[in-house]
């Protein structure tokens, strides 16, 4: 399993931005703890599968293959069944579809009174999001569907496939950061 908390494993420019995010939030009296940075394709596949039926998984695997990503389809299918509540999705991203896998995303959360704050209506999330935007990061709390308040990423597009342009470039980027 990858070292998912360490900022040392992410893109160097992104690391600086996230460190600055944590610092600026602290200046505003808000402690932020980063709890997830890079994920392998296997880890992403497990998260994706946890809340989906076999039919949904098979459909996404076929879609990946049809779009030129059979190596990601294999990753999705190879991890086997995962336990989880059907429909309670942790992520919409299958292997290769999350910027976490490229070292270009991180998840952090306010840490208040000795514990993580998960209530999305808490004002601390607005401080986190505004600070991320100020630094030029994309905050997934701004997304119109599947809002993900802890998630920040360096790239503004939702899809690594759009960003990296081709299956060959995607595979190279995943291998370069050890996710594949």
C-alpha atoms as a PDB file:
ATOM      1  CA  UNK A   1       0.000   0.000   0.000  1.00  0.00           C
ATOM      2  CA  UNK A   2       1.251   3.479  -0.799  1.00  0.00           C
ATOM      3  CA  UNK A   3       2.123   6.084   1.816  1.00  0.00           C
ATOM      4  CA  UNK A   4      -1.149   7.935   1.392  1.00  0.00           C
ATOM      5  CA  UNK A   5      -0.533  10.629   4.010  1.00  0.00           C
ATOM      6  CA  UNK A   6       2.896  11.823   2.966  1.00  0.00           C
ATOM      7  CA  UNK A   7       3.219  14.956   0.898  1.00  0.00           C
ATOM      8  CA  UNK A   8       6.692  13.765  -0.080  1.00  0.00           C
ATOM      9  CA  UNK A   9       5.164  11.478  -2.721  1.00  0.00           C
ATOM     10  CA  UNK A  10       3.163  14.127  -4.605  1.00  0.00           C
ATOM     11  CA  UNK A  11       4.197  16.447  -7.430  1.00  0.00           C
ATOM     12  CA  UNK A  12       6.733  18.966  -6.021  1.00  0.00           C
ATOM     13  CA  UNK A  13       4.741  22.053  -7.106  1.00  0.00           C
ATOM     14  CA  UNK A  14       1.546  20.584  -5.696  1.00  0.00           C
ATOM     15  CA  UNK A  15       3.347  19.753  -2.429  1.00  0.00           C
ATOM     16  CA  UNK A  16       4.279  23.422  -2.003  1.00  0.00           C
ATOM     17  CA  UNK A  17       0.687  24.486  -2.653  1.00  0.00           C
ATOM     18  CA  UNK A  18      -0.737  22.027  -0.124  1.00  0.00           C
ATOM     19  CA  UNK A  19       1.832  23.009   2.499  1.00  0.00           C
ATOM     20  CA  UNK A  20       0.846  26.636   1.916  1.00  0.00           C
ATOM     21  CA  UNK A  21      -2.849  25.688   2.199  1.00  0.00           C
ATOM     22  CA  UNK A  22      -2.211  24.110   5.595  1.00  0.00           C
ATOM     23  CA  UNK A  23      -0.098  27.123   6.692  1.00  0.00           C
ATOM     24  CA  UNK A  24      -2.628  29.754   5.581  1.00  0.00           C
ATOM     25  CA  UNK A  25      -5.515  27.894   7.201  1.00  0.00           C
ATOM     26  CA  UNK A  26      -3.494  27.734  10.437  1.00  0.00           C
ATOM     27  CA  UNK A  27      -2.986  31.513  10.238  1.00  0.00           C
ATOM     28  CA  UNK A  28      -6.785  31.764  10.229  1.00  0.00           C
ATOM     29  CA  UNK A  29      -7.015  29.544  13.320  1.00  0.00           C
ATOM     30  CA  UNK A  30      -7.943  26.376  11.432  1.00  0.00           C
ATOM     31  CA  UNK A  31      -5.853  23.226  11.704  1.00  0.00           C
ATOM     32  CA  UNK A  32      -5.986  21.123   8.545  1.00  0.00           C
ATOM     33  CA  UNK A  33      -4.659  17.586   8.464  1.00  0.00           C
ATOM     34  CA  UNK A  34      -3.873  15.910   5.171  1.00  0.00           C
ATOM     35  CA  UNK A  35      -4.971  12.282   5.341  1.00  0.00           C
ATOM     36  CA  UNK A  36      -4.698  11.078   1.743  1.00  0.00           C
ATOM     37  CA  UNK A  37      -2.331  11.939  -1.073  1.00  0.00           C
ATOM     38  CA  UNK A  38      -1.309   9.387  -3.681  1.00  0.00           C
ATOM     39  CA  UNK A  39      -3.180   6.144  -4.378  1.00  0.00           C
ATOM     40  CA  UNK A  40      -2.235   3.173  -6.493  1.00  0.00           C
ATOM     41  CA  UNK A  41      -4.575   1.875  -9.192  1.00  0.00           C
ATOM     42  CA  UNK A  42      -5.270  -1.091  -6.923  1.00  0.00           C
ATOM     43  CA  UNK A  43      -6.288   1.170  -4.029  1.00  0.00           C
ATOM     44  CA  UNK A  44      -8.492   3.251  -6.331  1.00  0.00           C
ATOM     45  CA  UNK A  45     -10.118   0.098  -7.701  1.00  0.00           C
ATOM     46  CA  UNK A  46     -10.942  -1.088  -4.183  1.00  0.00           C
ATOM     47  CA  UNK A  47     -12.534   2.258  -3.277  1.00  0.00           C
ATOM     48  CA  UNK A  48     -14.531   2.327  -6.499  1.00  0.00           C
ATOM     49  CA  UNK A  49     -15.784  -1.264  -6.102  1.00  0.00           C
ATOM     50  CA  UNK A  50     -16.886  -0.933  -2.465  1.00  0.00           C
ATOM     51  CA  UNK A  51     -20.375   0.355  -3.203  1.00  0.00           C
ATOM     52  CA  UNK A  52     -21.126  -0.997  -6.658  1.00  0.00           C
ATOM     53  CA  UNK A  53     -22.812  -4.032  -8.123  1.00  0.00           C
ATOM     54  CA  UNK A  54     -20.954  -6.489 -10.344  1.00  0.00           C
ATOM     55  CA  UNK A  55     -22.923  -5.147 -13.312  1.00  0.00           C
ATOM     56  CA  UNK A  56     -21.769  -1.556 -12.627  1.00  0.00           C
ATOM     57  CA  UNK A  57     -18.165  -2.704 -12.240  1.00  0.00           C
ATOM     58  CA  UNK A  58     -18.274  -4.754 -15.435  1.00  0.00           C
ATOM     59  CA  UNK A  59     -19.781  -1.792 -17.326  1.00  0.00           C
ATOM     60  CA  UNK A  60     -17.034   0.568 -16.147  1.00  0.00           C
ATOM     61  CA  UNK A  61     -14.343  -2.015 -16.948  1.00  0.00           C
ATOM     62  CA  UNK A  62     -15.748  -2.376 -20.461  1.00  0.00           C
ATOM     63  CA  UNK A  63     -15.891   1.409 -20.836  1.00  0.00           C
ATOM     64  CA  UNK A  64     -12.223   1.674 -19.842  1.00  0.00           C
ATOM     65  CA  UNK A  65     -11.288  -0.995 -22.385  1.00  0.00           C
ATOM     66  CA  UNK A  66     -13.389   0.640 -25.111  1.00  0.00           C
ATOM     67  CA  UNK A  67     -11.643   3.984 -24.504  1.00  0.00           C
ATOM     68  CA  UNK A  68      -8.182   2.422 -24.851  1.00  0.00           C
ATOM     69  CA  UNK A  69      -7.356   1.718 -21.201  1.00  0.00           C
ATOM     70  CA  UNK A  70      -7.385  -2.095 -20.889  1.00  0.00           C
ATOM     71  CA  UNK A  71      -4.605  -1.912 -18.271  1.00  0.00           C
ATOM     72  CA  UNK A  72      -6.962   0.109 -16.044  1.00  0.00           C
ATOM     73  CA  UNK A  73      -9.841  -2.252 -16.735  1.00  0.00           C
ATOM     74  CA  UNK A  74      -7.600  -5.129 -15.621  1.00  0.00           C
ATOM     75  CA  UNK A  75      -6.788  -3.245 -12.427  1.00  0.00           C
ATOM     76  CA  UNK A  76     -10.473  -2.703 -11.675  1.00  0.00           C
ATOM     77  CA  UNK A  77     -11.331  -6.351 -12.199  1.00  0.00           C
ATOM     78  CA  UNK A  78      -8.287  -7.863 -10.499  1.00  0.00           C
ATOM     79  CA  UNK A  79      -8.948  -6.608  -6.957  1.00  0.00           C
ATOM     80  CA  UNK A  80     -12.050  -8.753  -6.515  1.00  0.00           C
ATOM     81  CA  UNK A  81     -15.143  -8.056  -4.483  1.00  0.00           C
ATOM     82  CA  UNK A  82     -15.022  -5.332  -1.827  1.00  0.00           C
ATOM     83  CA  UNK A  83     -17.411  -4.914   1.071  1.00  0.00           C
ATOM     84  CA  UNK A  84     -19.454  -1.752   1.327  1.00  0.00           C
ATOM     85  CA  UNK A  85     -22.983  -0.393   1.327  1.00  0.00           C
ATOM     86  CA  UNK A  86     -24.406  -0.432  -2.200  1.00  0.00           C
ATOM     87  CA  UNK A  87     -25.019   3.054  -3.504  1.00  0.00           C
ATOM     88  CA  UNK A  88     -22.956   4.802  -0.806  1.00  0.00           C
ATOM     89  CA  UNK A  89     -20.152   5.742  -3.176  1.00  0.00           C
ATOM     90  CA  UNK A  90     -16.823   6.851  -1.762  1.00  0.00           C
ATOM     91  CA  UNK A  91     -15.642   7.905  -5.204  1.00  0.00           C
ATOM     92  CA  UNK A  92     -16.895   8.124  -8.755  1.00  0.00           C
ATOM     93  CA  UNK A  93     -13.368   7.547 -10.059  1.00  0.00           C
ATOM     94  CA  UNK A  94     -12.261   4.129 -11.259  1.00  0.00           C
ATOM     95  CA  UNK A  95      -8.534   3.336 -11.658  1.00  0.00           C
ATOM     96  CA  UNK A  96      -6.769   6.075 -13.627  1.00  0.00           C
ATOM     97  CA  UNK A  97      -9.667   8.510 -13.236  1.00  0.00           C
ATOM     98  CA  UNK A  98      -8.497  10.271 -10.063  1.00  0.00           C
ATOM     99  CA  UNK A  99      -5.733  12.850  -9.845  1.00  0.00           C
ATOM    100  CA  UNK A 100      -4.736  11.148  -6.577  1.00  0.00           C
ATOM    101  CA  UNK A 101      -3.095   8.465  -8.694  1.00  0.00           C
ATOM    102  CA  UNK A 102      -0.838  11.008 -10.393  1.00  0.00           C
ATOM    103  CA  UNK A 103       0.319  12.809  -7.237  1.00  0.00           C
ATOM    104  CA  UNK A 104      -1.790  15.836  -8.149  1.00  0.00           C
ATOM    105  CA  UNK A 105      -4.539  15.616  -5.492  1.00  0.00           C
ATOM    106  CA  UNK A 106      -4.855  15.430  -1.731  1.00  0.00           C
ATOM    107  CA  UNK A 107      -7.597  15.069   0.840  1.00  0.00           C
ATOM    108  CA  UNK A 108      -7.500  17.116   4.011  1.00  0.00           C
ATOM    109  CA  UNK A 109      -9.962  17.973   6.715  1.00  0.00           C
ATOM    110  CA  UNK A 110     -10.357  20.429   9.558  1.00  0.00           C
ATOM    111  CA  UNK A 111      -9.071  18.973  12.819  1.00  0.00           C
ATOM    112  CA  UNK A 112     -11.023  20.500  15.696  1.00  0.00           C
ATOM    113  CA  UNK A 113     -10.909  19.584  19.383  1.00  0.00           C
ATOM    114  CA  UNK A 114      -8.767  16.523  18.686  1.00  0.00           C
ATOM    115  CA  UNK A 115     -10.858  15.016  15.893  1.00  0.00           C
ATOM    116  CA  UNK A 116     -11.636  15.374  12.215  1.00  0.00           C
ATOM    117  CA  UNK A 117     -14.630  17.522  11.361  1.00  0.00           C
ATOM    118  CA  UNK A 118     -16.812  15.829   8.734  1.00  0.00           C
ATOM    119  CA  UNK A 119     -19.967  17.958   8.909  1.00  0.00           C
ATOM    120  CA  UNK A 120     -20.071  19.542   5.434  1.00  0.00           C
ATOM    121  CA  UNK A 121     -22.191  22.426   6.728  1.00  0.00           C
ATOM    122  CA  UNK A 122     -19.481  23.516   9.193  1.00  0.00           C
ATOM    123  CA  UNK A 123     -17.992  26.944   8.359  1.00  0.00           C
ATOM    124  CA  UNK A 124     -14.454  25.545   8.599  1.00  0.00           C
ATOM    125  CA  UNK A 125     -14.940  23.922   5.196  1.00  0.00           C
ATOM    126  CA  UNK A 126     -15.580  27.342   3.645  1.00  0.00           C
ATOM    127  CA  UNK A 127     -12.252  28.588   5.014  1.00  0.00           C
ATOM    128  CA  UNK A 128     -10.506  25.506   3.599  1.00  0.00           C
ATOM    129  CA  UNK A 129     -12.179  25.919   0.204  1.00  0.00           C
ATOM    130  CA  UNK A 130     -11.588  29.667  -0.054  1.00  0.00           C
ATOM    131  CA  UNK A 131      -7.938  29.222   0.868  1.00  0.00           C
ATOM    132  CA  UNK A 132      -7.506  26.443  -1.695  1.00  0.00           C
ATOM    133  CA  UNK A 133      -9.050  28.652  -4.407  1.00  0.00           C
ATOM    134  CA  UNK A 134      -6.837  31.581  -3.351  1.00  0.00           C
ATOM    135  CA  UNK A 135      -3.813  29.350  -3.993  1.00  0.00           C
ATOM    136  CA  UNK A 136      -5.105  28.362  -7.434  1.00  0.00           C
ATOM    137  CA  UNK A 137      -6.113  24.857  -6.405  1.00  0.00           C
ATOM    138  CA  UNK A 138      -9.365  23.225  -7.427  1.00  0.00           C
ATOM    139  CA  UNK A 139     -11.558  22.481  -4.408  1.00  0.00           C
ATOM    140  CA  UNK A 140     -14.045  19.659  -4.970  1.00  0.00           C
ATOM    141  CA  UNK A 141     -16.469  21.325  -2.571  1.00  0.00           C
ATOM    142  CA  UNK A 142     -17.221  23.620  -5.525  1.00  0.00           C
ATOM    143  CA  UNK A 143     -18.147  20.771  -7.840  1.00  0.00           C
ATOM    144  CA  UNK A 144     -21.793  20.667  -8.894  1.00  0.00           C
ATOM    145  CA  UNK A 145     -22.135  16.911  -8.535  1.00  0.00           C
ATOM    146  CA  UNK A 146     -20.461  14.592  -6.046  1.00  0.00           C
ATOM    147  CA  UNK A 147     -19.117  17.389  -3.876  1.00  0.00           C
ATOM    148  CA  UNK A 148     -16.061  16.132  -2.052  1.00  0.00           C
ATOM    149  CA  UNK A 149     -15.147  18.706   0.583  1.00  0.00           C
ATOM    150  CA  UNK A 150     -11.762  17.227   1.618  1.00  0.00           C
ATOM    151  CA  UNK A 151     -10.450  16.984  -1.973  1.00  0.00           C
ATOM    152  CA  UNK A 152      -8.113  19.545  -3.549  1.00  0.00           C
ATOM    153  CA  UNK A 153      -6.207  19.108  -6.780  1.00  0.00           C
ATOM    154  CA  UNK A 154      -3.664  20.956  -8.846  1.00  0.00           C
ATOM    155  CA  UNK A 155      -5.441  20.499 -12.196  1.00  0.00           C
ATOM    156  CA  UNK A 156      -8.755  22.224 -12.936  1.00  0.00           C
ATOM    157  CA  UNK A 157     -10.160  19.593 -15.285  1.00  0.00           C
ATOM    158  CA  UNK A 158     -12.104  16.740 -13.703  1.00  0.00           C
ATOM    159  CA  UNK A 159     -10.521  14.037 -15.849  1.00  0.00           C
ATOM    160  CA  UNK A 160      -6.915  12.876 -15.955  1.00  0.00           C
ATOM    161  CA  UNK A 161      -7.769  11.346 -19.332  1.00  0.00           C
ATOM    162  CA  UNK A 162      -8.507  14.832 -20.710  1.00  0.00           C
ATOM    163  CA  UNK A 163      -5.407  16.247 -19.082  1.00  0.00           C
ATOM    164  CA  UNK A 164      -2.952  13.587 -20.268  1.00  0.00           C
ATOM    165  CA  UNK A 165      -4.634  13.274 -23.706  1.00  0.00           C
ATOM    166  CA  UNK A 166      -3.872   9.610 -24.597  1.00  0.00           C
ATOM    167  CA  UNK A 167      -3.810   6.133 -23.050  1.00  0.00           C
ATOM    168  CA  UNK A 168      -0.042   6.012 -23.578  1.00  0.00           C
ATOM    169  CA  UNK A 169       0.453   9.299 -21.705  1.00  0.00           C
ATOM    170  CA  UNK A 170      -1.866   8.147 -18.907  1.00  0.00           C
ATOM    171  CA  UNK A 171       0.038   4.883 -18.519  1.00  0.00           C
ATOM    172  CA  UNK A 172       3.399   6.694 -18.530  1.00  0.00           C
ATOM    173  CA  UNK A 173       2.236   9.188 -15.896  1.00  0.00           C
ATOM    174  CA  UNK A 174       0.868   6.431 -13.657  1.00  0.00           C
ATOM    175  CA  UNK A 175       4.101   4.439 -13.936  1.00  0.00           C
ATOM    176  CA  UNK A 176       6.229   7.538 -13.299  1.00  0.00           C
ATOM    177  CA  UNK A 177       4.640   8.123  -9.910  1.00  0.00           C
ATOM    178  CA  UNK A 178       4.410   4.445  -8.968  1.00  0.00           C
ATOM    179  CA  UNK A 179       0.630   4.141  -9.115  1.00  0.00           C
ATOM    180  CA  UNK A 180       0.554   1.390 -11.740  1.00  0.00           C
END
